[in-house]
Amino acid sequence: MSRTEFVVATSLMLLGAFALGWFAYWLVNRFTRVTRAELGELEAMAQALHEAEELRDQAIAYIHDREAELHSQILQAEAELRAAMEGLREARREADDLRAALERARGRG
């Protein structure tokens, strides 16, 4: 094989590789091309996702507000319970004092 034959053979192989690569690219591009219908569908999906994220954010905000409100109500109920327990303790103490005073009065009489 002479030098000229080798150059021609190499050139033909490179040309064939280039043509095969270009054809493969064309096929891949042809089958993976996004159509206008698919683009519209993707846009609709993006819009639906955006709306769902907004709803999620609103729900999270509502949950946080409701949780804060319920926590406040619990604290208020606990404060009222402490006040009621203190009042009950005071009433029992007063009732015990009155019983003791009544027993002393009966004992003298």
C-alpha atoms as a PDB file:
ATOM      1  CA  MET A   1       0.000   0.000   0.000  1.00  0.00           C
ATOM      2  CA  SER A   2       1.515   3.260  -1.119  1.00  0.00           C
ATOM      3  CA  ARG A   3       1.361   6.511   0.713  1.00  0.00           C
ATOM      4  CA  THR A   4      -1.303   7.927  -1.635  1.00  0.00           C
ATOM      5  CA  GLU A   5      -3.521   4.887  -1.211  1.00  0.00           C
ATOM      6  CA  PHE A   6      -3.155   5.142   2.552  1.00  0.00           C
ATOM      7  CA  VAL A   7      -4.153   8.846   2.536  1.00  0.00           C
ATOM      8  CA  VAL A   8      -7.162   8.142   0.295  1.00  0.00           C
ATOM      9  CA  ALA A   9      -8.290   5.194   2.442  1.00  0.00           C
ATOM     10  CA  THR A  10      -7.897   7.241   5.644  1.00  0.00           C
ATOM     11  CA  SER A  11      -9.767  10.173   4.086  1.00  0.00           C
ATOM     12  CA  LEU A  12     -12.637   7.905   2.994  1.00  0.00           C
ATOM     13  CA  MET A  13     -12.852   6.373   6.477  1.00  0.00           C
ATOM     14  CA  LEU A  14     -12.914   9.814   8.115  1.00  0.00           C
ATOM     15  CA  LEU A  15     -15.560  11.011   5.638  1.00  0.00           C
ATOM     16  CA  GLY A  16     -17.629   7.894   6.373  1.00  0.00           C
ATOM     17  CA  ALA A  17     -17.274   8.423  10.143  1.00  0.00           C
ATOM     18  CA  PHE A  18     -18.324  12.067   9.737  1.00  0.00           C
ATOM     19  CA  ALA A  19     -21.347  11.100   7.613  1.00  0.00           C
ATOM     20  CA  LEU A  20     -22.356   8.376  10.079  1.00  0.00           C
ATOM     21  CA  GLY A  21     -22.020  10.814  13.002  1.00  0.00           C
ATOM     22  CA  TRP A  22     -24.045  13.475  11.229  1.00  0.00           C
ATOM     23  CA  PHE A  23     -26.766  10.946  10.370  1.00  0.00           C
ATOM     24  CA  ALA A  24     -26.895   9.705  13.986  1.00  0.00           C
ATOM     25  CA  TYR A  25     -27.190  13.320  15.193  1.00  0.00           C
ATOM     26  CA  TRP A  26     -29.999  13.982  12.719  1.00  0.00           C
ATOM     27  CA  LEU A  27     -31.879  10.854  13.852  1.00  0.00           C
ATOM     28  CA  VAL A  28     -31.533  11.689  17.545  1.00  0.00           C
ATOM     29  CA  ASN A  29     -32.557  15.298  16.945  1.00  0.00           C
ATOM     30  CA  ARG A  30     -35.532  14.205  14.841  1.00  0.00           C
ATOM     31  CA  PHE A  31     -36.895  11.832  17.498  1.00  0.00           C
ATOM     32  CA  THR A  32     -36.219  14.023  20.522  1.00  0.00           C
ATOM     33  CA  ARG A  33     -37.479  17.308  19.095  1.00  0.00           C
ATOM     34  CA  VAL A  34     -40.076  19.005  21.296  1.00  0.00           C
ATOM     35  CA  THR A  35     -43.275  19.820  19.417  1.00  0.00           C
ATOM     36  CA  ARG A  36     -45.505  22.830  20.025  1.00  0.00           C
ATOM     37  CA  ALA A  37     -48.146  20.584  21.615  1.00  0.00           C
ATOM     38  CA  GLU A  38     -45.583  19.195  24.026  1.00  0.00           C
ATOM     39  CA  LEU A  39     -44.379  22.717  24.749  1.00  0.00           C
ATOM     40  CA  GLY A  40     -47.950  23.779  25.562  1.00  0.00           C
ATOM     41  CA  GLU A  41     -48.360  20.747  27.791  1.00  0.00           C
ATOM     42  CA  LEU A  42     -45.115  21.562  29.588  1.00  0.00           C
ATOM     43  CA  GLU A  43     -46.314  25.134  30.086  1.00  0.00           C
ATOM     44  CA  ALA A  44     -49.618  23.905  31.533  1.00  0.00           C
ATOM     45  CA  MET A  45     -47.767  21.541  33.850  1.00  0.00           C
ATOM     46  CA  ALA A  46     -45.483  24.376  34.999  1.00  0.00           C
ATOM     47  CA  GLN A  47     -48.519  26.574  35.702  1.00  0.00           C
ATOM     48  CA  ALA A  48     -50.232  23.777  37.649  1.00  0.00           C
ATOM     49  CA  LEU A  49     -47.048  23.202  39.635  1.00  0.00           C
ATOM     50  CA  HIS A  50     -46.806  26.907  40.418  1.00  0.00           C
ATOM     51  CA  GLU A  51     -50.428  26.985  41.629  1.00  0.00           C
ATOM     52  CA  ALA A  52     -49.867  23.864  43.741  1.00  0.00           C
ATOM     53  CA  GLU A  53     -46.807  25.448  45.346  1.00  0.00           C
ATOM     54  CA  GLU A  54     -48.820  28.582  46.146  1.00  0.00           C
ATOM     55  CA  LEU A  55     -51.583  26.470  47.711  1.00  0.00           C
ATOM     56  CA  ARG A  56     -48.981  24.579  49.719  1.00  0.00           C
ATOM     57  CA  ASP A  57     -47.470  27.840  50.972  1.00  0.00           C
ATOM     58  CA  GLN A  58     -50.928  29.134  51.935  1.00  0.00           C
ATOM     59  CA  ALA A  59     -51.700  25.894  53.765  1.00  0.00           C
ATOM     60  CA  ILE A  60     -48.420  26.058  55.652  1.00  0.00           C
ATOM     61  CA  ALA A  61     -49.086  29.676  56.626  1.00  0.00           C
ATOM     62  CA  TYR A  62     -52.597  28.746  57.793  1.00  0.00           C
ATOM     63  CA  ILE A  63     -51.243  25.839  59.835  1.00  0.00           C
ATOM     64  CA  HIS A  64     -48.660  28.080  61.490  1.00  0.00           C
ATOM     65  CA  ASP A  65     -51.301  30.707  62.305  1.00  0.00           C
ATOM     66  CA  ARG A  66     -53.691  28.084  63.649  1.00  0.00           C
ATOM     67  CA  GLU A  67     -50.922  26.488  65.701  1.00  0.00           C
ATOM     68  CA  ALA A  68     -50.027  29.869  67.232  1.00  0.00           C
ATOM     69  CA  GLU A  69     -53.693  30.531  68.002  1.00  0.00           C
ATOM     70  CA  LEU A  70     -54.148  27.133  69.644  1.00  0.00           C
ATOM     71  CA  HIS A  71     -50.932  27.587  71.632  1.00  0.00           C
ATOM     72  CA  SER A  72     -52.268  30.924  72.857  1.00  0.00           C
ATOM     73  CA  GLN A  73     -55.574  29.305  73.845  1.00  0.00           C
ATOM     74  CA  ILE A  74     -53.719  26.553  75.720  1.00  0.00           C
ATOM     75  CA  LEU A  75     -51.664  29.124  77.626  1.00  0.00           C
ATOM     76  CA  GLN A  76     -54.837  31.053  78.466  1.00  0.00           C
ATOM     77  CA  ALA A  77     -56.611  27.879  79.629  1.00  0.00           C
ATOM     78  CA  GLU A  78     -53.610  26.925  81.780  1.00  0.00           C
ATOM     79  CA  ALA A  79     -53.608  30.400  83.350  1.00  0.00           C
ATOM     80  CA  GLU A  80     -57.336  30.122  84.054  1.00  0.00           C
ATOM     81  CA  LEU A  81     -56.806  26.649  85.528  1.00  0.00           C
ATOM     82  CA  ARG A  82     -54.065  27.954  87.829  1.00  0.00           C
ATOM     83  CA  ALA A  83     -56.335  30.808  88.928  1.00  0.00           C
ATOM     84  CA  ALA A  84     -59.212  28.389  89.554  1.00  0.00           C
ATOM     85  CA  MET A  85     -56.962  26.027  91.512  1.00  0.00           C
ATOM     86  CA  GLU A  86     -55.691  28.933  93.624  1.00  0.00           C
ATOM     87  CA  GLY A  87     -59.288  30.038  94.272  1.00  0.00           C
ATOM     88  CA  LEU A  88     -60.248  26.487  95.228  1.00  0.00           C
ATOM     89  CA  ARG A  89     -57.240  26.259  97.557  1.00  0.00           C
ATOM     90  CA  GLU A  90     -58.247  29.539  99.182  1.00  0.00           C
ATOM     91  CA  ALA A  91     -61.869  28.384  99.526  1.00  0.00           C
ATOM     92  CA  ARG A  92     -60.748  25.113 101.165  1.00  0.00           C
ATOM     93  CA  ARG A  93     -58.495  27.021 103.539  1.00  0.00           C
ATOM     94  CA  GLU A  94     -61.371  29.348 104.432  1.00  0.00           C
ATOM     95  CA  ALA A  95     -63.742  26.388 104.884  1.00  0.00           C
ATOM     96  CA  ASP A  96     -61.191  24.693 107.183  1.00  0.00           C
ATOM     97  CA  ASP A  97     -60.822  27.908 109.174  1.00  0.00           C
ATOM     98  CA  LEU A  98     -64.626  28.202 109.501  1.00  0.00           C
ATOM     99  CA  ARG A  99     -64.893  24.550 110.585  1.00  0.00           C
ATOM    100  CA  ALA A 100     -62.173  25.072 113.156  1.00  0.00           C
ATOM    101  CA  ALA A 101     -63.903  28.221 114.430  1.00  0.00           C
ATOM    102  CA  LEU A 102     -67.229  26.360 114.603  1.00  0.00           C
ATOM    103  CA  GLU A 103     -65.644  23.497 116.514  1.00  0.00           C
ATOM    104  CA  ARG A 104     -64.096  25.953 119.005  1.00  0.00           C
ATOM    105  CA  ALA A 105     -67.436  27.713 119.396  1.00  0.00           C
ATOM    106  CA  ARG A 106     -69.217  24.394 120.032  1.00  0.00           C
ATOM    107  CA  GLY A 107     -66.534  23.356 122.473  1.00  0.00           C
ATOM    108  CA  ARG A 108     -67.000  26.517 124.591  1.00  0.00           C
ATOM    109  CA  GLY A 109     -70.742  26.450 124.505  1.00  0.00           C
END
